[in-house]
Amino acid sequence: MSAHTSNEQVMTVVCDALQRVLTRRNHTAVHCTPESNLVSDLGFESLDLAEIVALLELHFGFDPFTDQIAITDVHTVQDLCDAYSSYEIPGPGLPR
């Protein structure tokens, strides 16, 4: 059953995706806050961000950056959450 996304749900899914990419890069876990800058605070590079967006697209079922939001406007964890917060969550979690 789909449920409308809450800010808390979106933050949980986004932080899970961020941690998964950091883990693949053999980096230690970081504390995910809305104010965290994806590049300067968390150390993500453009390919990392593409992987994160792909994971989120698999979870949420859409890519808001194709025609709704410019990816260049996303700088913080909150910016990333805002891109997904007004949509339906189709599944129980990120694919493994």
C-alpha atoms as a PDB file:
ATOM      1  CA  MET A   1       0.000   0.000   0.000  1.00  0.00           C
ATOM      2  CA  SER A   2       1.338   3.429  -0.916  1.00  0.00           C
ATOM      3  CA  ALA A   3       1.420   6.136   1.679  1.00  0.00           C
ATOM      4  CA  HIS A   4       2.009   9.836   1.281  1.00  0.00           C
ATOM      5  CA  THR A   5       5.579  10.624   2.236  1.00  0.00           C
ATOM      6  CA  SER A   6       6.275  12.503   5.410  1.00  0.00           C
ATOM      7  CA  ASN A   7       9.395  14.559   5.906  1.00  0.00           C
ATOM      8  CA  GLU A   8      10.603  12.018   8.467  1.00  0.00           C
ATOM      9  CA  GLN A   9      10.076   9.090   6.062  1.00  0.00           C
ATOM     10  CA  VAL A  10      11.921  10.866   3.277  1.00  0.00           C
ATOM     11  CA  MET A  11      14.804  11.800   5.597  1.00  0.00           C
ATOM     12  CA  THR A  12      15.116   8.172   6.713  1.00  0.00           C
ATOM     13  CA  VAL A  13      15.236   6.873   3.127  1.00  0.00           C
ATOM     14  CA  VAL A  14      17.659   9.593   1.975  1.00  0.00           C
ATOM     15  CA  CYS A  15      20.013   9.038   4.923  1.00  0.00           C
ATOM     16  CA  ASP A  16      19.922   5.280   4.289  1.00  0.00           C
ATOM     17  CA  ALA A  17      20.949   5.863   0.665  1.00  0.00           C
ATOM     18  CA  LEU A  18      23.736   8.235   1.739  1.00  0.00           C
ATOM     19  CA  GLN A  19      25.076   5.710   4.258  1.00  0.00           C
ATOM     20  CA  ARG A  20      24.962   2.897   1.705  1.00  0.00           C
ATOM     21  CA  VAL A  21      27.068   4.865  -0.762  1.00  0.00           C
ATOM     22  CA  LEU A  22      29.534   5.851   1.974  1.00  0.00           C
ATOM     23  CA  THR A  23      29.793   2.205   3.049  1.00  0.00           C
ATOM     24  CA  ARG A  24      30.556   1.125  -0.522  1.00  0.00           C
ATOM     25  CA  ARG A  25      33.340   3.700  -0.574  1.00  0.00           C
ATOM     26  CA  ASN A  26      34.700   2.237   2.708  1.00  0.00           C
ATOM     27  CA  HIS A  27      34.038   5.470   4.579  1.00  0.00           C
ATOM     28  CA  THR A  28      32.851   5.566   8.130  1.00  0.00           C
ATOM     29  CA  ALA A  29      29.227   6.344   8.841  1.00  0.00           C
ATOM     30  CA  VAL A  30      28.341   9.985   9.260  1.00  0.00           C
ATOM     31  CA  HIS A  31      25.604  11.703  11.165  1.00  0.00           C
ATOM     32  CA  CYS A  32      23.032  12.733   8.588  1.00  0.00           C
ATOM     33  CA  THR A  33      21.457  16.115   9.355  1.00  0.00           C
ATOM     34  CA  PRO A  34      19.239  18.267   7.155  1.00  0.00           C
ATOM     35  CA  GLU A  35      21.911  20.976   7.088  1.00  0.00           C
ATOM     36  CA  SER A  36      24.741  18.641   5.988  1.00  0.00           C
ATOM     37  CA  ASN A  37      26.235  19.733   2.682  1.00  0.00           C
ATOM     38  CA  LEU A  38      26.473  16.735   0.366  1.00  0.00           C
ATOM     39  CA  VAL A  39      29.888  17.727  -1.004  1.00  0.00           C
ATOM     40  CA  SER A  40      31.739  19.765   1.619  1.00  0.00           C
ATOM     41  CA  ASP A  41      30.400  18.046   4.762  1.00  0.00           C
ATOM     42  CA  LEU A  42      29.792  14.496   3.555  1.00  0.00           C
ATOM     43  CA  GLY A  43      32.451  14.302   0.839  1.00  0.00           C
ATOM     44  CA  PHE A  44      30.283  13.079  -2.027  1.00  0.00           C
ATOM     45  CA  GLU A  45      31.493  13.484  -5.590  1.00  0.00           C
ATOM     46  CA  SER A  46      29.324  13.731  -8.710  1.00  0.00           C
ATOM     47  CA  LEU A  47      29.360   9.971  -9.374  1.00  0.00           C
ATOM     48  CA  ASP A  48      28.341   9.338  -5.757  1.00  0.00           C
ATOM     49  CA  LEU A  49      25.433  11.740  -6.148  1.00  0.00           C
ATOM     50  CA  ALA A  50      24.359   9.966  -9.342  1.00  0.00           C
ATOM     51  CA  GLU A  51      24.360   6.655  -7.443  1.00  0.00           C
ATOM     52  CA  ILE A  52      22.331   8.197  -4.613  1.00  0.00           C
ATOM     53  CA  VAL A  53      19.759   9.583  -7.061  1.00  0.00           C
ATOM     54  CA  ALA A  54      19.558   6.160  -8.761  1.00  0.00           C
ATOM     55  CA  LEU A  55      18.919   4.445  -5.405  1.00  0.00           C
ATOM     56  CA  LEU A  56      16.253   7.000  -4.543  1.00  0.00           C
ATOM     57  CA  GLU A  57      14.641   6.628  -7.957  1.00  0.00           C
ATOM     58  CA  LEU A  58      14.410   2.866  -7.410  1.00  0.00           C
ATOM     59  CA  HIS A  59      12.772   3.438  -4.040  1.00  0.00           C
ATOM     60  CA  PHE A  60      10.415   6.283  -4.864  1.00  0.00           C
ATOM     61  CA  GLY A  61       9.685   5.261  -8.446  1.00  0.00           C
ATOM     62  CA  PHE A  62      10.555   8.579 -10.083  1.00  0.00           C
ATOM     63  CA  ASP A  63      13.429  10.982 -10.680  1.00  0.00           C
ATOM     64  CA  PRO A  64      12.444  14.553  -9.785  1.00  0.00           C
ATOM     65  CA  PHE A  65      15.522  15.852 -11.587  1.00  0.00           C
ATOM     66  CA  THR A  66      14.340  14.895 -15.073  1.00  0.00           C
ATOM     67  CA  ASP A  67      11.926  17.791 -15.423  1.00  0.00           C
ATOM     68  CA  GLN A  68      10.933  19.259 -12.070  1.00  0.00           C
ATOM     69  CA  ILE A  69      14.064  20.268 -10.152  1.00  0.00           C
ATOM     70  CA  ALA A  70      17.574  21.121 -11.281  1.00  0.00           C
ATOM     71  CA  ILE A  71      20.114  18.792  -9.656  1.00  0.00           C
ATOM     72  CA  THR A  72      22.453  21.781  -9.444  1.00  0.00           C
ATOM     73  CA  ASP A  73      20.033  23.315  -6.909  1.00  0.00           C
ATOM     74  CA  VAL A  74      20.614  20.422  -4.496  1.00  0.00           C
ATOM     75  CA  HIS A  75      23.359  21.185  -1.992  1.00  0.00           C
ATOM     76  CA  THR A  76      22.198  19.805   1.354  1.00  0.00           C
ATOM     77  CA  VAL A  77      20.498  16.698   2.677  1.00  0.00           C
ATOM     78  CA  GLN A  78      17.363  18.812   3.159  1.00  0.00           C
ATOM     79  CA  ASP A  79      17.452  19.925  -0.488  1.00  0.00           C
ATOM     80  CA  LEU A  80      17.551  16.269  -1.516  1.00  0.00           C
ATOM     81  CA  CYS A  81      14.688  15.414   0.840  1.00  0.00           C
ATOM     82  CA  ASP A  82      12.599  18.311  -0.465  1.00  0.00           C
ATOM     83  CA  ALA A  83      12.913  16.944  -3.997  1.00  0.00           C
ATOM     84  CA  TYR A  84      11.132  13.742  -2.938  1.00  0.00           C
ATOM     85  CA  SER A  85       8.863  14.835  -0.089  1.00  0.00           C
ATOM     86  CA  SER A  86       5.663  15.537  -2.027  1.00  0.00           C
ATOM     87  CA  TYR A  87       5.314  12.128  -3.677  1.00  0.00           C
ATOM     88  CA  GLU A  88       3.965   8.689  -2.842  1.00  0.00           C
ATOM     89  CA  ILE A  89       6.237   6.014  -1.389  1.00  0.00           C
ATOM     90  CA  PRO A  90       5.635   2.865  -3.475  1.00  0.00           C
ATOM     91  CA  GLY A  91       7.658   0.314  -1.519  1.00  0.00           C
ATOM     92  CA  PRO A  92       8.937  -0.693   1.899  1.00  0.00           C
ATOM     93  CA  GLY A  93      12.586   0.324   1.491  1.00  0.00           C
ATOM     94  CA  LEU A  94      15.636   0.610  -0.668  1.00  0.00           C
ATOM     95  CA  PRO A  95      16.512  -2.393  -2.820  1.00  0.00           C
ATOM     96  CA  ARG A  96      19.338  -4.507  -1.461  1.00  0.00           C
END
